[in-house]
C-alpha cells in the first residue's frame, strides 16, 4: 500500500508585502530614482572610462606577469563589471562585448586556454566603441564587430 503524499501550501507572504502586481510600488519613488539617475548621467562617460582603465590595467598585468590563474581571473572580473555597467552607463554595446569576453573566460580551464589575441581583440573593441562613441550594436561597424567576436568565441567553445 502506498501512502498519498500530503501537500502543504504556505501562504504567499511576499504578495502581501509587495502587493498584487505593481500596485504596491510607489510611482513617486520610481520617478525620484529615475531623476537621480538622470542627474548622475553626466558622469557616466568618466565612470565608464575609469572601468575601462581597470580592464586595461588587468591586461597590462597579464603582459608583465603572464597569463596565469590570478591575472586571468582579475581580467575576467573587470570584464564582468563592464558587462554589468555598460548598459547603465548608456553603452549597451559595451555590455555585449564584455559579455562575449566573459563567455571566453568564464571558467578557470577556459581562461588558461583562451587565445590571447582574441582576448586582446575584445579589449580593443571595448576601448574603440567608447572612444568613437558607438553606444549600441545597431551601429553598422559596432554590430559587425560584436557579431564577429561572438562568432570567434562560439567557435572556440565548440
N, C-alpha and C. Protein backbone atom coordinates (compact mmCIF):
# COMPACT_ATOMS: atom_id res chain seq x y z
N UNK A 1 0.83 -1.16 0.00
CA UNK A 1 0.00 0.00 0.00
C UNK A 1 0.88 1.24 0.00
N UNK A 2 0.60 2.15 -0.90
CA UNK A 2 1.39 3.37 -0.99
C UNK A 2 0.68 4.51 -0.27
N UNK A 3 1.48 5.32 0.31
CA UNK A 3 0.92 6.47 1.02
C UNK A 3 0.69 7.62 0.06
N UNK A 4 -0.35 8.34 0.28
CA UNK A 4 -0.64 9.52 -0.51
C UNK A 4 0.13 10.69 0.08
N UNK A 5 0.92 11.36 -0.76
CA UNK A 5 1.68 12.48 -0.21
C UNK A 5 0.76 13.62 0.20
N UNK A 6 1.18 14.30 1.23
CA UNK A 6 0.42 15.44 1.70
C UNK A 6 1.10 16.71 1.21
N UNK A 7 0.33 17.57 0.56
CA UNK A 7 0.87 18.82 0.05
C UNK A 7 0.55 19.92 1.04
N UNK A 8 1.59 20.59 1.45
CA UNK A 8 1.42 21.69 2.41
C UNK A 8 1.62 22.99 1.64
N UNK A 9 0.61 23.80 1.64
CA UNK A 9 0.68 25.09 0.93
C UNK A 9 0.93 26.20 1.95
N UNK A 10 2.00 26.91 1.71
CA UNK A 10 2.32 28.04 2.59
C UNK A 10 1.69 29.30 2.03
N UNK A 11 1.31 30.20 2.89
CA UNK A 11 0.74 31.46 2.39
C UNK A 11 1.81 32.28 1.69
N UNK A 12 1.42 33.02 0.67
CA UNK A 12 2.34 33.86 -0.09
C UNK A 12 2.49 35.20 0.63
N UNK A 13 3.45 35.27 1.54
CA UNK A 13 3.65 36.50 2.31
C UNK A 13 4.32 37.59 1.48
N UNK A 14 5.02 37.19 0.45
CA UNK A 14 5.67 38.19 -0.40
C UNK A 14 4.61 39.05 -1.09
N UNK A 15 3.55 38.43 -1.55
CA UNK A 15 2.49 39.17 -2.22
C UNK A 15 1.89 40.21 -1.27
N UNK A 16 1.75 39.85 -0.01
CA UNK A 16 1.18 40.79 0.96
C UNK A 16 2.13 41.96 1.20
N UNK A 17 3.44 41.68 1.16
CA UNK A 17 4.41 42.74 1.39
C UNK A 17 4.56 43.66 0.18
N UNK A 18 4.52 43.09 -1.02
CA UNK A 18 4.73 43.87 -2.23
C UNK A 18 3.41 44.37 -2.79
N UNK A 19 2.39 43.58 -2.64
CA UNK A 19 1.09 43.94 -3.22
C UNK A 19 0.86 43.15 -4.49
N UNK A 20 -0.34 43.08 -4.93
CA UNK A 20 -0.64 42.38 -6.18
C UNK A 20 -0.17 43.21 -7.35
N UNK A 21 0.55 42.60 -8.24
CA UNK A 21 1.05 43.33 -9.40
C UNK A 21 2.00 44.43 -8.97
N UNK A 22 1.83 45.58 -9.54
CA UNK A 22 2.70 46.71 -9.23
C UNK A 22 2.00 47.75 -8.37
N UNK A 23 0.84 47.41 -7.85
CA UNK A 23 0.10 48.39 -7.06
C UNK A 23 0.82 48.79 -5.78
N UNK A 24 1.73 47.94 -5.30
CA UNK A 24 2.45 48.25 -4.08
C UNK A 24 3.69 49.10 -4.30
N UNK A 25 4.01 49.40 -5.57
CA UNK A 25 5.20 50.19 -5.86
C UNK A 25 4.83 51.66 -5.88
N UNK A 26 5.62 52.45 -5.21
CA UNK A 26 5.39 53.88 -5.13
C UNK A 26 5.92 54.54 -6.40
N UNK A 27 5.02 55.00 -7.26
CA UNK A 27 5.39 55.61 -8.53
C UNK A 27 6.25 56.85 -8.31
N UNK A 28 5.97 57.58 -7.24
CA UNK A 28 6.77 58.78 -6.95
C UNK A 28 8.21 58.40 -6.62
N UNK A 29 8.39 57.30 -5.91
CA UNK A 29 9.74 56.85 -5.57
C UNK A 29 10.50 56.43 -6.83
N UNK A 30 9.81 55.76 -7.74
CA UNK A 30 10.43 55.37 -9.00
C UNK A 30 10.83 56.62 -9.79
N UNK A 31 9.96 57.60 -9.84
CA UNK A 31 10.26 58.85 -10.54
C UNK A 31 11.47 59.55 -9.93
N UNK A 32 11.55 59.56 -8.60
CA UNK A 32 12.70 60.19 -7.92
C UNK A 32 13.99 59.44 -8.26
N UNK A 33 13.92 58.12 -8.30
CA UNK A 33 15.10 57.32 -8.63
C UNK A 33 15.54 57.59 -10.06
N UNK A 34 14.59 57.69 -10.98
CA UNK A 34 14.93 57.99 -12.37
C UNK A 34 15.55 59.37 -12.50
N UNK A 35 15.06 60.34 -11.76
CA UNK A 35 15.63 61.68 -11.78
C UNK A 35 17.04 61.69 -11.21
N UNK A 36 17.25 60.93 -10.15
CA UNK A 36 18.59 60.85 -9.56
C UNK A 36 19.57 60.23 -10.55
N UNK A 37 19.14 59.18 -11.24
CA UNK A 37 19.99 58.55 -12.24
C UNK A 37 20.28 59.50 -13.39
N UNK A 38 19.28 60.25 -13.80
CA UNK A 38 19.45 61.22 -14.87
C UNK A 38 20.46 62.30 -14.45
N UNK A 39 20.39 62.72 -13.20
CA UNK A 39 21.33 63.73 -12.70
C UNK A 39 22.76 63.21 -12.71
N UNK A 40 22.92 61.91 -12.49
CA UNK A 40 24.26 61.31 -12.47
C UNK A 40 24.78 61.01 -13.87
N UNK A 41 23.90 61.00 -14.86
CA UNK A 41 24.28 60.57 -16.20
C UNK A 41 25.41 61.40 -16.81
N UNK A 42 25.58 62.62 -16.36
CA UNK A 42 26.68 63.44 -16.88
C UNK A 42 28.04 62.86 -16.49
N UNK A 43 28.06 62.00 -15.50
CA UNK A 43 29.31 61.40 -15.04
C UNK A 43 29.55 60.02 -15.65
N UNK A 44 28.57 59.49 -16.39
CA UNK A 44 28.67 58.14 -16.94
C UNK A 44 29.90 57.95 -17.80
N UNK A 45 30.21 58.92 -18.67
CA UNK A 45 31.36 58.77 -19.56
C UNK A 45 32.65 58.59 -18.77
N UNK A 46 32.83 59.39 -17.73
CA UNK A 46 34.05 59.28 -16.94
C UNK A 46 34.08 57.96 -16.17
N UNK A 47 32.96 57.57 -15.62
CA UNK A 47 32.90 56.30 -14.88
C UNK A 47 33.20 55.13 -15.80
N UNK A 48 32.69 55.18 -17.02
CA UNK A 48 32.95 54.11 -17.99
C UNK A 48 34.44 54.08 -18.34
N UNK A 49 35.01 55.25 -18.55
CA UNK A 49 36.44 55.32 -18.84
C UNK A 49 37.27 54.78 -17.66
N UNK A 50 36.83 55.05 -16.44
CA UNK A 50 37.52 54.51 -15.26
C UNK A 50 37.47 52.98 -15.26
N UNK A 51 36.32 52.42 -15.62
CA UNK A 51 36.18 50.96 -15.66
C UNK A 51 37.05 50.36 -16.76
N UNK A 52 37.14 51.05 -17.89
CA UNK A 52 37.99 50.57 -18.98
C UNK A 52 39.45 50.65 -18.56
N UNK A 53 39.82 51.67 -17.81
CA UNK A 53 41.19 51.77 -17.31
C UNK A 53 41.52 50.59 -16.40
N UNK A 54 40.57 50.15 -15.61
CA UNK A 54 40.78 48.98 -14.75
C UNK A 54 40.96 47.72 -15.60
N UNK A 55 40.18 47.61 -16.67
CA UNK A 55 40.32 46.48 -17.60
C UNK A 55 41.69 46.50 -18.25
N UNK A 56 42.12 47.68 -18.67
CA UNK A 56 43.44 47.83 -19.29
C UNK A 56 44.55 47.51 -18.30
N UNK A 57 44.37 47.87 -17.03
CA UNK A 57 45.37 47.55 -16.01
C UNK A 57 45.48 46.04 -15.83
N UNK A 58 44.35 45.35 -15.87
CA UNK A 58 44.37 43.88 -15.77
C UNK A 58 45.07 43.28 -16.99
N UNK A 59 44.84 43.88 -18.15
CA UNK A 59 45.50 43.44 -19.37
C UNK A 59 47.02 43.66 -19.26
N UNK A 60 47.42 44.82 -18.76
CA UNK A 60 48.84 45.13 -18.60
C UNK A 60 49.51 44.19 -17.60
N UNK A 61 48.78 43.84 -16.55
CA UNK A 61 49.32 42.90 -15.55
C UNK A 61 49.62 41.55 -16.19
N UNK A 62 48.75 41.14 -17.10
CA UNK A 62 48.99 39.87 -17.80
C UNK A 62 50.24 39.97 -18.66
N UNK A 63 50.45 41.12 -19.26
CA UNK A 63 51.65 41.29 -20.10
C UNK A 63 52.93 41.25 -19.27
N UNK A 64 52.86 41.75 -18.03
CA UNK A 64 54.08 41.77 -17.21
C UNK A 64 54.26 40.48 -16.39
N UNK A 65 53.16 39.93 -15.88
CA UNK A 65 53.27 38.74 -15.03
C UNK A 65 52.92 37.44 -15.74
N UNK A 66 52.37 37.55 -16.92
CA UNK A 66 51.97 36.36 -17.66
C UNK A 66 50.49 36.04 -17.45
N UNK A 67 50.00 35.19 -18.32
CA UNK A 67 48.60 34.78 -18.30
C UNK A 67 48.49 33.58 -17.39
N UNK A 68 48.30 33.84 -16.10
CA UNK A 68 48.18 32.76 -15.13
C UNK A 68 46.80 32.82 -14.48
N UNK A 69 46.55 31.93 -13.56
CA UNK A 69 45.22 31.84 -12.95
C UNK A 69 44.78 33.16 -12.30
N UNK A 70 45.68 33.78 -11.56
CA UNK A 70 45.32 35.02 -10.84
C UNK A 70 45.10 36.19 -11.80
N UNK A 71 45.99 36.36 -12.78
CA UNK A 71 45.84 37.50 -13.68
C UNK A 71 44.65 37.32 -14.62
N UNK A 72 44.41 36.09 -15.04
CA UNK A 72 43.25 35.82 -15.91
C UNK A 72 41.95 36.04 -15.15
N UNK A 73 41.92 35.66 -13.89
CA UNK A 73 40.72 35.87 -13.07
C UNK A 73 40.47 37.36 -12.85
N UNK A 74 41.53 38.12 -12.63
CA UNK A 74 41.38 39.57 -12.45
C UNK A 74 40.80 40.20 -13.72
N UNK A 75 41.28 39.75 -14.88
CA UNK A 75 40.75 40.26 -16.14
C UNK A 75 39.28 39.88 -16.30
N UNK A 76 38.94 38.65 -15.94
CA UNK A 76 37.55 38.20 -16.03
C UNK A 76 36.64 39.09 -15.17
N UNK A 77 37.04 39.38 -13.96
CA UNK A 77 36.20 40.19 -13.07
C UNK A 77 36.06 41.62 -13.58
N UNK A 78 37.09 42.17 -14.20
CA UNK A 78 36.98 43.51 -14.78
C UNK A 78 35.98 43.48 -15.95
N UNK A 79 36.06 42.43 -16.77
CA UNK A 79 35.12 42.28 -17.89
C UNK A 79 33.70 42.10 -17.37
N UNK A 80 33.56 41.34 -16.31
CA UNK A 80 32.24 41.09 -15.72
C UNK A 80 31.64 42.40 -15.20
N UNK A 81 32.45 43.23 -14.58
CA UNK A 81 31.96 44.53 -14.12
C UNK A 81 31.46 45.37 -15.29
N UNK A 82 32.23 45.39 -16.37
CA UNK A 82 31.82 46.16 -17.54
C UNK A 82 30.55 45.60 -18.16
N UNK A 83 30.42 44.30 -18.14
CA UNK A 83 29.20 43.68 -18.67
C UNK A 83 27.97 44.20 -17.91
N UNK A 84 28.12 44.35 -16.62
CA UNK A 84 27.01 44.84 -15.81
C UNK A 84 26.79 46.34 -15.90
N UNK A 85 27.84 47.09 -16.16
CA UNK A 85 27.73 48.55 -16.13
C UNK A 85 27.52 49.21 -17.49
N UNK A 86 27.86 48.52 -18.56
CA UNK A 86 27.78 49.12 -19.89
C UNK A 86 26.43 49.74 -20.19
N UNK A 87 25.37 48.98 -20.03
CA UNK A 87 24.04 49.48 -20.33
C UNK A 87 23.64 50.59 -19.37
N UNK A 88 23.98 50.45 -18.11
CA UNK A 88 23.69 51.50 -17.13
C UNK A 88 24.34 52.81 -17.55
N UNK A 89 25.55 52.72 -18.07
CA UNK A 89 26.29 53.91 -18.50
C UNK A 89 25.97 54.31 -19.94
N UNK A 90 24.86 53.79 -20.45
CA UNK A 90 24.33 54.13 -21.78
C UNK A 90 25.17 53.61 -22.93
N UNK A 91 25.86 52.48 -22.72
CA UNK A 91 26.64 51.82 -23.76
C UNK A 91 26.29 50.32 -23.77
N UNK A 92 25.10 49.98 -24.27
CA UNK A 92 24.75 48.56 -24.31
C UNK A 92 25.71 47.73 -25.16
N UNK A 93 26.39 48.36 -26.10
CA UNK A 93 27.37 47.61 -26.89
C UNK A 93 28.54 47.15 -26.02
N UNK A 94 28.90 47.93 -25.01
CA UNK A 94 29.96 47.52 -24.09
C UNK A 94 29.49 46.31 -23.29
N UNK A 95 28.24 46.31 -22.90
CA UNK A 95 27.69 45.15 -22.20
C UNK A 95 27.80 43.91 -23.08
N UNK A 96 27.48 44.05 -24.35
CA UNK A 96 27.54 42.90 -25.26
C UNK A 96 28.97 42.42 -25.47
N UNK A 97 29.88 43.34 -25.71
CA UNK A 97 31.29 42.97 -25.93
C UNK A 97 31.91 42.36 -24.67
N UNK A 98 31.65 42.97 -23.53
CA UNK A 98 32.18 42.43 -22.27
C UNK A 98 31.55 41.08 -21.96
N UNK A 99 30.28 40.89 -22.33
CA UNK A 99 29.63 39.60 -22.15
C UNK A 99 30.30 38.52 -22.98
N UNK A 100 30.69 38.86 -24.19
CA UNK A 100 31.41 37.91 -25.05
C UNK A 100 32.77 37.56 -24.44
N UNK A 101 33.46 38.56 -23.92
CA UNK A 101 34.75 38.32 -23.25
C UNK A 101 34.55 37.45 -22.01
N UNK A 102 33.49 37.68 -21.28
CA UNK A 102 33.20 36.85 -20.10
C UNK A 102 32.96 35.40 -20.50
N UNK A 103 32.22 35.18 -21.60
CA UNK A 103 31.98 33.81 -22.06
C UNK A 103 33.30 33.13 -22.42
N UNK A 104 34.21 33.89 -22.99
CA UNK A 104 35.52 33.36 -23.35
C UNK A 104 36.32 32.95 -22.11
N UNK A 105 36.14 33.69 -21.02
CA UNK A 105 36.94 33.50 -19.80
C UNK A 105 36.13 32.95 -18.64
N UNK A 106 34.97 32.33 -18.90
CA UNK A 106 34.02 32.04 -17.82
C UNK A 106 34.38 30.90 -16.88
N UNK A 107 35.47 30.21 -17.11
CA UNK A 107 35.91 29.20 -16.14
C UNK A 107 37.43 29.19 -16.10
N UNK A 108 37.97 28.68 -15.02
CA UNK A 108 39.43 28.65 -14.86
C UNK A 108 40.08 27.89 -16.01
N UNK A 109 39.45 26.80 -16.45
CA UNK A 109 40.01 26.00 -17.54
C UNK A 109 40.01 26.79 -18.85
N UNK A 110 38.90 27.47 -19.12
CA UNK A 110 38.81 28.25 -20.36
C UNK A 110 39.77 29.44 -20.34
N UNK A 111 39.94 30.02 -19.17
CA UNK A 111 40.84 31.18 -19.09
C UNK A 111 42.23 30.80 -19.54
N UNK A 112 42.69 29.64 -19.11
CA UNK A 112 44.05 29.23 -19.44
C UNK A 112 44.22 28.85 -20.91
N UNK A 113 43.13 28.43 -21.54
CA UNK A 113 43.24 28.02 -22.94
C UNK A 113 42.74 29.07 -23.92
N UNK A 114 42.31 30.21 -23.42
CA UNK A 114 41.79 31.26 -24.29
C UNK A 114 42.92 31.88 -25.11
N UNK A 115 42.71 32.04 -26.41
CA UNK A 115 43.76 32.66 -27.23
C UNK A 115 43.92 34.14 -26.88
N UNK A 116 45.12 34.50 -26.53
CA UNK A 116 45.39 35.87 -26.11
C UNK A 116 45.00 36.90 -27.17
N UNK A 117 45.23 36.66 -28.47
CA UNK A 117 44.81 37.67 -29.46
C UNK A 117 43.30 37.94 -29.44
N UNK A 118 42.49 36.93 -29.15
CA UNK A 118 41.05 37.13 -29.08
C UNK A 118 40.67 37.91 -27.82
N UNK A 119 41.36 37.66 -26.73
CA UNK A 119 41.14 38.44 -25.51
C UNK A 119 41.48 39.90 -25.79
N UNK A 120 42.63 40.14 -26.39
CA UNK A 120 43.05 41.50 -26.75
C UNK A 120 42.05 42.17 -27.68
N UNK A 121 41.53 41.41 -28.64
CA UNK A 121 40.58 41.98 -29.60
C UNK A 121 39.32 42.48 -28.90
N UNK A 122 38.87 41.75 -27.90
CA UNK A 122 37.70 42.20 -27.14
C UNK A 122 38.00 43.51 -26.40
N UNK A 123 39.15 43.58 -25.78
CA UNK A 123 39.52 44.78 -25.02
C UNK A 123 39.67 45.97 -25.97
N UNK A 124 40.30 45.74 -27.11
CA UNK A 124 40.45 46.81 -28.10
C UNK A 124 39.09 47.26 -28.62
N UNK A 125 38.19 46.32 -28.81
CA UNK A 125 36.84 46.67 -29.29
C UNK A 125 36.10 47.53 -28.27
N UNK A 126 36.20 47.16 -27.01
CA UNK A 126 35.55 47.96 -25.95
C UNK A 126 36.13 49.36 -25.93
N UNK A 127 37.44 49.44 -26.00
CA UNK A 127 38.11 50.74 -26.00
C UNK A 127 37.67 51.57 -27.21
N UNK A 128 37.58 50.94 -28.37
CA UNK A 128 37.24 51.65 -29.62
C UNK A 128 35.81 52.16 -29.62
N UNK A 129 34.87 51.34 -29.16
CA UNK A 129 33.47 51.79 -29.22
C UNK A 129 33.24 52.98 -28.28
N UNK A 130 33.92 52.98 -27.15
CA UNK A 130 33.76 54.11 -26.23
C UNK A 130 34.48 55.33 -26.79
N UNK A 131 35.66 55.14 -27.30
CA UNK A 131 36.40 56.26 -27.90
C UNK A 131 35.60 56.91 -29.03
N UNK A 132 34.97 56.07 -29.87
CA UNK A 132 34.24 56.58 -31.03
C UNK A 132 32.77 56.84 -30.74
N UNK A 133 32.40 56.69 -29.47
CA UNK A 133 31.03 56.96 -29.01
C UNK A 133 29.97 56.12 -29.76
N UNK A 134 30.32 54.85 -29.99
CA UNK A 134 29.38 53.89 -30.57
C UNK A 134 28.69 53.23 -29.39
N UNK A 135 27.46 53.62 -29.15
CA UNK A 135 26.79 53.18 -27.93
C UNK A 135 26.01 51.89 -28.08
N UNK A 136 25.51 51.59 -29.28
CA UNK A 136 24.69 50.38 -29.41
C UNK A 136 25.13 49.56 -30.61
N UNK A 137 24.68 48.32 -30.62
CA UNK A 137 25.07 47.43 -31.70
C UNK A 137 24.24 47.61 -32.96
N UNK A 138 23.36 48.63 -33.00
CA UNK A 138 22.67 48.92 -34.25
C UNK A 138 23.54 49.79 -35.16
N UNK A 139 24.66 50.24 -34.64
CA UNK A 139 25.66 50.91 -35.46
C UNK A 139 26.28 49.84 -36.38
N UNK A 140 26.41 50.11 -37.68
CA UNK A 140 26.88 49.05 -38.59
C UNK A 140 28.25 48.46 -38.22
N UNK A 141 29.19 49.29 -37.87
CA UNK A 141 30.52 48.79 -37.51
C UNK A 141 30.46 48.09 -36.15
N UNK A 142 29.78 48.71 -35.19
CA UNK A 142 29.68 48.12 -33.86
C UNK A 142 28.99 46.77 -33.88
N UNK A 143 27.89 46.68 -34.61
CA UNK A 143 27.16 45.41 -34.69
C UNK A 143 28.00 44.33 -35.34
N UNK A 144 28.70 44.67 -36.40
CA UNK A 144 29.55 43.69 -37.08
C UNK A 144 30.70 43.25 -36.19
N UNK A 145 31.26 44.18 -35.45
CA UNK A 145 32.35 43.86 -34.52
C UNK A 145 31.88 42.88 -33.46
N UNK A 146 30.72 43.15 -32.88
CA UNK A 146 30.15 42.24 -31.87
C UNK A 146 29.92 40.85 -32.44
N UNK A 147 29.29 40.81 -33.60
CA UNK A 147 28.96 39.53 -34.24
C UNK A 147 30.22 38.72 -34.53
N UNK A 148 31.24 39.37 -35.01
CA UNK A 148 32.49 38.68 -35.34
C UNK A 148 33.17 38.12 -34.09
N UNK A 149 33.27 38.93 -33.05
CA UNK A 149 33.91 38.45 -31.82
C UNK A 149 33.11 37.32 -31.19
N UNK A 150 31.79 37.46 -31.15
CA UNK A 150 30.94 36.40 -30.59
C UNK A 150 31.07 35.11 -31.39
N UNK A 151 31.21 35.24 -32.70
CA UNK A 151 31.39 34.07 -33.56
C UNK A 151 32.70 33.34 -33.24
N UNK A 152 33.75 34.11 -33.04
CA UNK A 152 35.06 33.51 -32.70
C UNK A 152 35.00 32.80 -31.35
N UNK A 153 34.32 33.40 -30.39
CA UNK A 153 34.18 32.76 -29.07
C UNK A 153 33.37 31.47 -29.20
N UNK A 154 32.30 31.50 -29.98
CA UNK A 154 31.48 30.30 -30.19
C UNK A 154 32.27 29.18 -30.84
N UNK A 155 33.15 29.53 -31.80
CA UNK A 155 33.97 28.52 -32.45
C UNK A 155 34.91 27.84 -31.47
N UNK A 156 35.48 28.61 -30.58
CA UNK A 156 36.40 28.07 -29.58
C UNK A 156 35.70 27.15 -28.61
N UNK A 157 34.49 27.56 -28.22
CA UNK A 157 33.75 26.80 -27.23
C UNK A 157 33.08 25.56 -27.82
N UNK A 158 33.11 25.46 -29.14
CA UNK A 158 32.57 24.26 -29.79
C UNK A 158 31.14 24.26 -29.84
